[in-house]
């Protein structure tokens, strides 16, 4: 990148960067077309929990480095969304209930007995990235959420149509994120557009977003290798 992009051009570059996001992974394609076995669904839910449970840690790392009070005031909502404000609330709790709905016990989801090394490595690398890289780059890495509302809507529809053995009342995580993700991605875009105004910072933001896409793709590779096509 030889010159800084105008804000709208930069946003378009960010969106273009995630067009081949992990929804294109063969595992997701099978799941969304009803081709996944119960074992695959359980393996995905059990392993994805490690990512879900680390989201507040990632967001806490961003908060600890961000010098902008107004951004912190808004960003902290992400932690509240996932951790909840009381027992039985929040996105992590909703994911645990999803685990129970697919036939896993709460204990086996929480203790990580099904956690694959590849998933652990990818998620730990992402949390470490947000702790060690400039906070704006960490914010940029979160912009995989740009397509989250559509993906969540597609996933919800797929689960309700193809996996009727799962109690639809326990798909609340997906329903909630359809509404939360646009708010989060809009704020993330606002921050990155404001702070990434040089060729160097824009290039770093795009690299951070690529890294996050690789993290999510690597998680699915590990899950697909362990559970796919059985």
C-alpha atoms as a PDB file:
ATOM      1  CA  UNK A   1       0.000   0.000   0.000  1.00  0.00           C
ATOM      2  CA  UNK A   2       1.699   3.197  -1.223  1.00  0.00           C
ATOM      3  CA  UNK A   3      -0.888   5.787  -0.184  1.00  0.00           C
ATOM      4  CA  UNK A   4      -3.616   5.901   2.408  1.00  0.00           C
ATOM      5  CA  UNK A   5      -7.067   4.969   1.179  1.00  0.00           C
ATOM      6  CA  UNK A   6     -10.000   7.300   1.653  1.00  0.00           C
ATOM      7  CA  UNK A   7     -12.257   6.122   4.523  1.00  0.00           C
ATOM      8  CA  UNK A   8     -14.919   4.643   2.243  1.00  0.00           C
ATOM      9  CA  UNK A   9     -12.279   2.915   0.107  1.00  0.00           C
ATOM     10  CA  UNK A  10     -10.651   1.538   3.235  1.00  0.00           C
ATOM     11  CA  UNK A  11     -13.957   0.184   4.497  1.00  0.00           C
ATOM     12  CA  UNK A  12     -14.553  -1.488   1.149  1.00  0.00           C
ATOM     13  CA  UNK A  13     -11.084  -3.062   1.353  1.00  0.00           C
ATOM     14  CA  UNK A  14     -11.913  -4.424   4.802  1.00  0.00           C
ATOM     15  CA  UNK A  15     -15.179  -5.881   3.560  1.00  0.00           C
ATOM     16  CA  UNK A  16     -13.461  -7.404   0.536  1.00  0.00           C
ATOM     17  CA  UNK A  17     -10.907  -8.961   2.888  1.00  0.00           C
ATOM     18  CA  UNK A  18     -13.546 -11.083   4.596  1.00  0.00           C
ATOM     19  CA  UNK A  19     -15.545 -12.137   1.545  1.00  0.00           C
ATOM     20  CA  UNK A  20     -13.917 -15.585   1.769  1.00  0.00           C
ATOM     21  CA  UNK A  21     -14.553 -15.684   5.480  1.00  0.00           C
ATOM     22  CA  UNK A  22     -14.925 -19.005   7.280  1.00  0.00           C
ATOM     23  CA  UNK A  23     -18.583 -19.394   6.227  1.00  0.00           C
ATOM     24  CA  UNK A  24     -17.059 -20.714   2.992  1.00  0.00           C
ATOM     25  CA  UNK A  25     -15.299 -23.545   4.823  1.00  0.00           C
ATOM     26  CA  UNK A  26     -16.489 -27.012   3.709  1.00  0.00           C
ATOM     27  CA  UNK A  27     -17.482 -27.862   7.283  1.00  0.00           C
ATOM     28  CA  UNK A  28     -19.782 -24.839   7.495  1.00  0.00           C
ATOM     29  CA  UNK A  29     -21.216 -25.526   4.063  1.00  0.00           C
ATOM     30  CA  UNK A  30     -22.121 -29.066   5.074  1.00  0.00           C
ATOM     31  CA  UNK A  31     -23.593 -27.911   8.355  1.00  0.00           C
ATOM     32  CA  UNK A  32     -25.703 -25.212   6.711  1.00  0.00           C
ATOM     33  CA  UNK A  33     -27.076 -27.625   4.120  1.00  0.00           C
ATOM     34  CA  UNK A  34     -28.089 -30.260   6.657  1.00  0.00           C
ATOM     35  CA  UNK A  35     -25.315 -32.746   5.886  1.00  0.00           C
ATOM     36  CA  UNK A  36     -23.669 -32.852   9.329  1.00  0.00           C
ATOM     37  CA  UNK A  37     -24.065 -35.818  11.626  1.00  0.00           C
ATOM     38  CA  UNK A  38     -24.972 -35.483  15.265  1.00  0.00           C
ATOM     39  CA  UNK A  39     -21.365 -36.257  16.137  1.00  0.00           C
ATOM     40  CA  UNK A  40     -20.151 -33.414  13.926  1.00  0.00           C
ATOM     41  CA  UNK A  41     -22.606 -30.966  15.481  1.00  0.00           C
ATOM     42  CA  UNK A  42     -21.601 -32.005  18.997  1.00  0.00           C
ATOM     43  CA  UNK A  43     -17.902 -31.743  18.145  1.00  0.00           C
ATOM     44  CA  UNK A  44     -18.378 -28.279  16.686  1.00  0.00           C
ATOM     45  CA  UNK A  45     -20.413 -27.059  19.664  1.00  0.00           C
ATOM     46  CA  UNK A  46     -17.940 -28.485  22.189  1.00  0.00           C
ATOM     47  CA  UNK A  47     -14.916 -26.961  20.468  1.00  0.00           C
ATOM     48  CA  UNK A  48     -16.505 -23.641  19.576  1.00  0.00           C
ATOM     49  CA  UNK A  49     -17.192 -23.159  23.285  1.00  0.00           C
ATOM     50  CA  UNK A  50     -13.478 -22.552  23.833  1.00  0.00           C
ATOM     51  CA  UNK A  51     -13.672 -19.646  21.412  1.00  0.00           C
ATOM     52  CA  UNK A  52     -16.879 -18.320  22.971  1.00  0.00           C
ATOM     53  CA  UNK A  53     -15.458 -18.466  26.491  1.00  0.00           C
ATOM     54  CA  UNK A  54     -12.355 -16.546  25.415  1.00  0.00           C
ATOM     55  CA  UNK A  55     -14.207 -13.665  23.775  1.00  0.00           C
ATOM     56  CA  UNK A  56     -14.445 -11.679  27.050  1.00  0.00           C
ATOM     57  CA  UNK A  57     -10.719 -12.195  27.601  1.00  0.00           C
ATOM     58  CA  UNK A  58     -10.038 -10.848  24.121  1.00  0.00           C
ATOM     59  CA  UNK A  59     -12.253  -7.852  24.713  1.00  0.00           C
ATOM     60  CA  UNK A  60     -10.681  -7.291  28.125  1.00  0.00           C
ATOM     61  CA  UNK A  61      -7.271  -7.144  26.449  1.00  0.00           C
ATOM     62  CA  UNK A  62      -8.532  -4.488  24.042  1.00  0.00           C
ATOM     63  CA  UNK A  63     -10.031  -2.467  26.904  1.00  0.00           C
ATOM     64  CA  UNK A  64      -6.806  -2.624  28.900  1.00  0.00           C
ATOM     65  CA  UNK A  65      -4.846  -1.029  26.052  1.00  0.00           C
ATOM     66  CA  UNK A  66      -7.395   1.399  24.622  1.00  0.00           C
ATOM     67  CA  UNK A  67      -6.723   5.019  25.697  1.00  0.00           C
ATOM     68  CA  UNK A  68     -10.065   6.344  24.431  1.00  0.00           C
ATOM     69  CA  UNK A  69     -12.651   6.510  27.214  1.00  0.00           C
ATOM     70  CA  UNK A  70     -15.644   6.745  24.898  1.00  0.00           C
ATOM     71  CA  UNK A  71     -14.544   3.638  23.009  1.00  0.00           C
ATOM     72  CA  UNK A  72     -14.072   1.775  26.305  1.00  0.00           C
ATOM     73  CA  UNK A  73     -17.560   2.766  27.446  1.00  0.00           C
ATOM     74  CA  UNK A  74     -19.066   1.154  24.386  1.00  0.00           C
ATOM     75  CA  UNK A  75     -16.662  -1.765  24.010  1.00  0.00           C
ATOM     76  CA  UNK A  76     -17.317  -3.075  27.525  1.00  0.00           C
ATOM     77  CA  UNK A  77     -20.831  -4.030  26.400  1.00  0.00           C
ATOM     78  CA  UNK A  78     -19.290  -6.932  24.516  1.00  0.00           C
ATOM     79  CA  UNK A  79     -18.044  -8.466  27.750  1.00  0.00           C
ATOM     80  CA  UNK A  80     -21.442  -7.976  29.360  1.00  0.00           C
ATOM     81  CA  UNK A  81     -23.126  -9.614  26.366  1.00  0.00           C
ATOM     82  CA  UNK A  82     -21.032 -12.758  26.728  1.00  0.00           C
ATOM     83  CA  UNK A  83     -20.538 -13.007  30.492  1.00  0.00           C
ATOM     84  CA  UNK A  84     -24.006 -11.763  31.377  1.00  0.00           C
ATOM     85  CA  UNK A  85     -24.902  -9.714  34.406  1.00  0.00           C
ATOM     86  CA  UNK A  86     -26.133 -12.553  36.603  1.00  0.00           C
ATOM     87  CA  UNK A  87     -26.180 -16.328  36.789  1.00  0.00           C
ATOM     88  CA  UNK A  88     -27.997 -17.827  33.817  1.00  0.00           C
ATOM     89  CA  UNK A  89     -27.513 -14.859  31.490  1.00  0.00           C
ATOM     90  CA  UNK A  90     -25.159 -14.004  28.635  1.00  0.00           C
ATOM     91  CA  UNK A  91     -23.852 -15.587  25.470  1.00  0.00           C
ATOM     92  CA  UNK A  92     -21.596 -18.119  27.171  1.00  0.00           C
ATOM     93  CA  UNK A  93     -24.552 -19.422  29.164  1.00  0.00           C
ATOM     94  CA  UNK A  94     -26.614 -19.610  25.970  1.00  0.00           C
ATOM     95  CA  UNK A  95     -23.852 -21.664  24.340  1.00  0.00           C
ATOM     96  CA  UNK A  96     -23.770 -24.051  27.305  1.00  0.00           C
ATOM     97  CA  UNK A  97     -27.501 -24.563  26.911  1.00  0.00           C
ATOM     98  CA  UNK A  98     -26.936 -25.260  23.217  1.00  0.00           C
ATOM     99  CA  UNK A  99     -24.392 -27.882  24.273  1.00  0.00           C
ATOM    100  CA  UNK A 100     -26.974 -29.564  26.461  1.00  0.00           C
ATOM    101  CA  UNK A 101     -29.506 -29.423  23.631  1.00  0.00           C
ATOM    102  CA  UNK A 102     -27.175 -31.347  21.292  1.00  0.00           C
ATOM    103  CA  UNK A 103     -26.565 -34.038  23.896  1.00  0.00           C
ATOM    104  CA  UNK A 104     -23.486 -32.839  25.771  1.00  0.00           C
ATOM    105  CA  UNK A 105     -23.380 -32.344  29.499  1.00  0.00           C
ATOM    106  CA  UNK A 106     -22.540 -28.927  30.829  1.00  0.00           C
ATOM    107  CA  UNK A 107     -19.516 -30.384  32.599  1.00  0.00           C
ATOM    108  CA  UNK A 108     -17.971 -31.912  29.483  1.00  0.00           C
ATOM    109  CA  UNK A 109     -18.350 -28.654  27.581  1.00  0.00           C
ATOM    110  CA  UNK A 110     -16.849 -26.546  30.360  1.00  0.00           C
ATOM    111  CA  UNK A 111     -13.941 -28.836  31.247  1.00  0.00           C
ATOM    112  CA  UNK A 112     -12.713 -29.018  27.652  1.00  0.00           C
ATOM    113  CA  UNK A 113     -12.415 -32.788  27.465  1.00  0.00           C
ATOM    114  CA  UNK A 114     -13.349 -32.653  23.767  1.00  0.00           C
ATOM    115  CA  UNK A 115     -11.153 -29.659  22.977  1.00  0.00           C
ATOM    116  CA  UNK A 116      -8.881 -30.318  20.010  1.00  0.00           C
ATOM    117  CA  UNK A 117      -5.236 -29.149  20.104  1.00  0.00           C
ATOM    118  CA  UNK A 118      -5.678 -27.247  16.855  1.00  0.00           C
ATOM    119  CA  UNK A 119      -8.643 -25.324  18.209  1.00  0.00           C
ATOM    120  CA  UNK A 120      -6.864 -24.526  21.460  1.00  0.00           C
ATOM    121  CA  UNK A 121      -3.795 -23.319  19.575  1.00  0.00           C
ATOM    122  CA  UNK A 122      -5.808 -21.084  17.244  1.00  0.00           C
ATOM    123  CA  UNK A 123      -7.888 -19.484  19.991  1.00  0.00           C
ATOM    124  CA  UNK A 124      -4.899 -18.962  22.279  1.00  0.00           C
ATOM    125  CA  UNK A 125      -3.034 -17.345  19.386  1.00  0.00           C
ATOM    126  CA  UNK A 126      -5.933 -14.938  18.878  1.00  0.00           C
ATOM    127  CA  UNK A 127      -6.108 -13.940  22.542  1.00  0.00           C
ATOM    128  CA  UNK A 128      -2.336 -13.472  22.571  1.00  0.00           C
ATOM    129  CA  UNK A 129      -2.605 -11.300  19.453  1.00  0.00           C
ATOM    130  CA  UNK A 130      -5.057  -8.964  21.158  1.00  0.00           C
ATOM    131  CA  UNK A 131      -2.784  -8.737  24.192  1.00  0.00           C
ATOM    132  CA  UNK A 132       0.431  -8.003  22.330  1.00  0.00           C
ATOM    133  CA  UNK A 133      -0.512  -6.028  19.235  1.00  0.00           C
ATOM    134  CA  UNK A 134      -1.612  -2.367  19.172  1.00  0.00           C
ATOM    135  CA  UNK A 135      -5.195  -2.073  20.352  1.00  0.00           C
ATOM    136  CA  UNK A 136      -6.445  -0.681  17.037  1.00  0.00           C
ATOM    137  CA  UNK A 137      -5.145  -3.785  15.267  1.00  0.00           C
ATOM    138  CA  UNK A 138      -6.993  -5.908  17.816  1.00  0.00           C
ATOM    139  CA  UNK A 139     -10.159  -3.942  17.048  1.00  0.00           C
ATOM    140  CA  UNK A 140      -9.607  -4.494  13.321  1.00  0.00           C
ATOM    141  CA  UNK A 141      -9.301  -8.228  13.903  1.00  0.00           C
ATOM    142  CA  UNK A 142     -12.834  -8.218  15.322  1.00  0.00           C
ATOM    143  CA  UNK A 143     -14.306  -7.081  12.011  1.00  0.00           C
ATOM    144  CA  UNK A 144     -15.048 -10.632  10.962  1.00  0.00           C
ATOM    145  CA  UNK A 145     -18.341  -9.603  12.589  1.00  0.00           C
ATOM    146  CA  UNK A 146     -19.187  -7.640   9.447  1.00  0.00           C
ATOM    147  CA  UNK A 147     -20.897 -10.706   8.001  1.00  0.00           C
ATOM    148  CA  UNK A 148     -22.013 -12.210  11.316  1.00  0.00           C
ATOM    149  CA  UNK A 149     -25.689 -11.159  11.158  1.00  0.00           C
ATOM    150  CA  UNK A 150     -26.251 -12.870   7.812  1.00  0.00           C
ATOM    151  CA  UNK A 151     -24.256 -15.904   8.895  1.00  0.00           C
ATOM    152  CA  UNK A 152     -26.170 -16.226  12.141  1.00  0.00           C
ATOM    153  CA  UNK A 153     -29.492 -15.912  10.330  1.00  0.00           C
ATOM    154  CA  UNK A 154     -28.420 -18.585   7.848  1.00  0.00           C
ATOM    155  CA  UNK A 155     -27.225 -20.853  10.653  1.00  0.00           C
ATOM    156  CA  UNK A 156     -30.404 -20.403  12.655  1.00  0.00           C
ATOM    157  CA  UNK A 157     -32.531 -21.258   9.637  1.00  0.00           C
ATOM    158  CA  UNK A 158     -30.368 -24.298   8.887  1.00  0.00           C
ATOM    159  CA  UNK A 159     -30.598 -25.631  12.430  1.00  0.00           C
ATOM    160  CA  UNK A 160     -34.364 -25.130  12.582  1.00  0.00           C
ATOM    161  CA  UNK A 161     -34.863 -26.810   9.212  1.00  0.00           C
ATOM    162  CA  UNK A 162     -32.332 -29.645   9.201  1.00  0.00           C
ATOM    163  CA  UNK A 163     -31.549 -30.467  12.820  1.00  0.00           C
ATOM    164  CA  UNK A 164     -34.983 -30.795  14.338  1.00  0.00           C
ATOM    165  CA  UNK A 165     -33.591 -33.048  17.075  1.00  0.00           C
ATOM    166  CA  UNK A 166     -32.219 -29.870  18.698  1.00  0.00           C
ATOM    167  CA  UNK A 167     -34.692 -27.966  20.858  1.00  0.00           C
ATOM    168  CA  UNK A 168     -35.286 -24.713  18.924  1.00  0.00           C
ATOM    169  CA  UNK A 169     -35.642 -22.819  22.203  1.00  0.00           C
ATOM    170  CA  UNK A 170     -31.948 -23.481  22.837  1.00  0.00           C
ATOM    171  CA  UNK A 171     -30.825 -21.688  19.675  1.00  0.00           C
ATOM    172  CA  UNK A 172     -31.063 -18.370  21.476  1.00  0.00           C
ATOM    173  CA  UNK A 173     -27.357 -17.597  21.018  1.00  0.00           C
ATOM    174  CA  UNK A 174     -27.835 -17.280  17.266  1.00  0.00           C
ATOM    175  CA  UNK A 175     -30.993 -15.193  17.608  1.00  0.00           C
ATOM    176  CA  UNK A 176     -29.295 -12.791  19.989  1.00  0.00           C
ATOM    177  CA  UNK A 177     -26.182 -12.344  17.862  1.00  0.00           C
ATOM    178  CA  UNK A 178     -28.285 -11.432  14.828  1.00  0.00           C
ATOM    179  CA  UNK A 179     -29.066  -8.204  16.700  1.00  0.00           C
ATOM    180  CA  UNK A 180     -25.820  -7.699  18.618  1.00  0.00           C
ATOM    181  CA  UNK A 181     -23.364  -8.249  15.772  1.00  0.00           C
ATOM    182  CA  UNK A 182     -24.447  -5.254  13.628  1.00  0.00           C
ATOM    183  CA  UNK A 183     -23.961  -2.933  16.605  1.00  0.00           C
ATOM    184  CA  UNK A 184     -20.533  -4.401  17.307  1.00  0.00           C
ATOM    185  CA  UNK A 185     -19.317  -4.356  13.711  1.00  0.00           C
ATOM    186  CA  UNK A 186     -20.526  -0.790  13.155  1.00  0.00           C
ATOM    187  CA  UNK A 187     -18.624   0.378  16.221  1.00  0.00           C
ATOM    188  CA  UNK A 188     -15.514  -1.537  15.182  1.00  0.00           C
ATOM    189  CA  UNK A 189     -15.659   0.018  11.721  1.00  0.00           C
ATOM    190  CA  UNK A 190     -16.090   3.460  13.231  1.00  0.00           C
ATOM    191  CA  UNK A 191     -12.972   2.986  15.367  1.00  0.00           C
ATOM    192  CA  UNK A 192     -10.815   1.597  12.582  1.00  0.00           C
ATOM    193  CA  UNK A 193     -11.879   4.288  10.119  1.00  0.00           C
ATOM    194  CA  UNK A 194     -11.009   6.958  12.685  1.00  0.00           C
ATOM    195  CA  UNK A 195      -7.611   5.649  13.739  1.00  0.00           C
ATOM    196  CA  UNK A 196      -6.296   3.946  10.608  1.00  0.00           C
ATOM    197  CA  UNK A 197      -5.537   6.872   8.325  1.00  0.00           C
ATOM    198  CA  UNK A 198      -2.007   6.129   7.105  1.00  0.00           C
ATOM    199  CA  UNK A 199      -0.784   3.444   4.688  1.00  0.00           C
ATOM    200  CA  UNK A 200       0.954   1.746   7.617  1.00  0.00           C
ATOM    201  CA  UNK A 201      -2.021   1.637   9.967  1.00  0.00           C
ATOM    202  CA  UNK A 202      -4.422   0.617   7.218  1.00  0.00           C
ATOM    203  CA  UNK A 203      -2.084  -2.160   6.112  1.00  0.00           C
ATOM    204  CA  UNK A 204      -1.740  -3.361   9.701  1.00  0.00           C
ATOM    205  CA  UNK A 205      -5.535  -3.399  10.101  1.00  0.00           C
ATOM    206  CA  UNK A 206      -5.974  -5.482   6.964  1.00  0.00           C
ATOM    207  CA  UNK A 207      -3.274  -7.885   8.145  1.00  0.00           C
ATOM    208  CA  UNK A 208      -4.991  -8.192  11.520  1.00  0.00           C
ATOM    209  CA  UNK A 209      -8.264  -9.031   9.832  1.00  0.00           C
ATOM    210  CA  UNK A 210      -6.540 -11.647   7.682  1.00  0.00           C
ATOM    211  CA  UNK A 211      -5.043 -13.161  10.813  1.00  0.00           C
ATOM    212  CA  UNK A 212      -8.459 -13.446  12.456  1.00  0.00           C
ATOM    213  CA  UNK A 213      -9.909 -15.093   9.359  1.00  0.00           C
ATOM    214  CA  UNK A 214      -7.037 -17.596   9.482  1.00  0.00           C
ATOM    215  CA  UNK A 215      -7.766 -18.294  13.151  1.00  0.00           C
ATOM    216  CA  UNK A 216     -11.389 -19.148  12.416  1.00  0.00           C
ATOM    217  CA  UNK A 217     -10.491 -21.196   9.350  1.00  0.00           C
ATOM    218  CA  UNK A 218      -7.860 -23.134  11.310  1.00  0.00           C
ATOM    219  CA  UNK A 219     -10.400 -23.953  14.008  1.00  0.00           C
ATOM    220  CA  UNK A 220     -12.712 -25.424  11.399  1.00  0.00           C
ATOM    221  CA  UNK A 221      -9.876 -27.367   9.779  1.00  0.00           C
ATOM    222  CA  UNK A 222      -9.166 -29.039  13.117  1.00  0.00           C
ATOM    223  CA  UNK A 223     -12.845 -29.795  13.766  1.00  0.00           C
ATOM    224  CA  UNK A 224     -13.384 -31.071  10.229  1.00  0.00           C
ATOM    225  CA  UNK A 225     -10.384 -33.382  10.452  1.00  0.00           C
ATOM    226  CA  UNK A 226     -11.574 -34.825  13.756  1.00  0.00           C
ATOM    227  CA  UNK A 227     -15.312 -35.135  13.086  1.00  0.00           C
ATOM    228  CA  UNK A 228     -16.024 -34.587   9.419  1.00  0.00           C
ATOM    229  CA  UNK A 229     -17.445 -37.158   7.023  1.00  0.00           C
ATOM    230  CA  UNK A 230     -18.061 -39.823   9.644  1.00  0.00           C
END
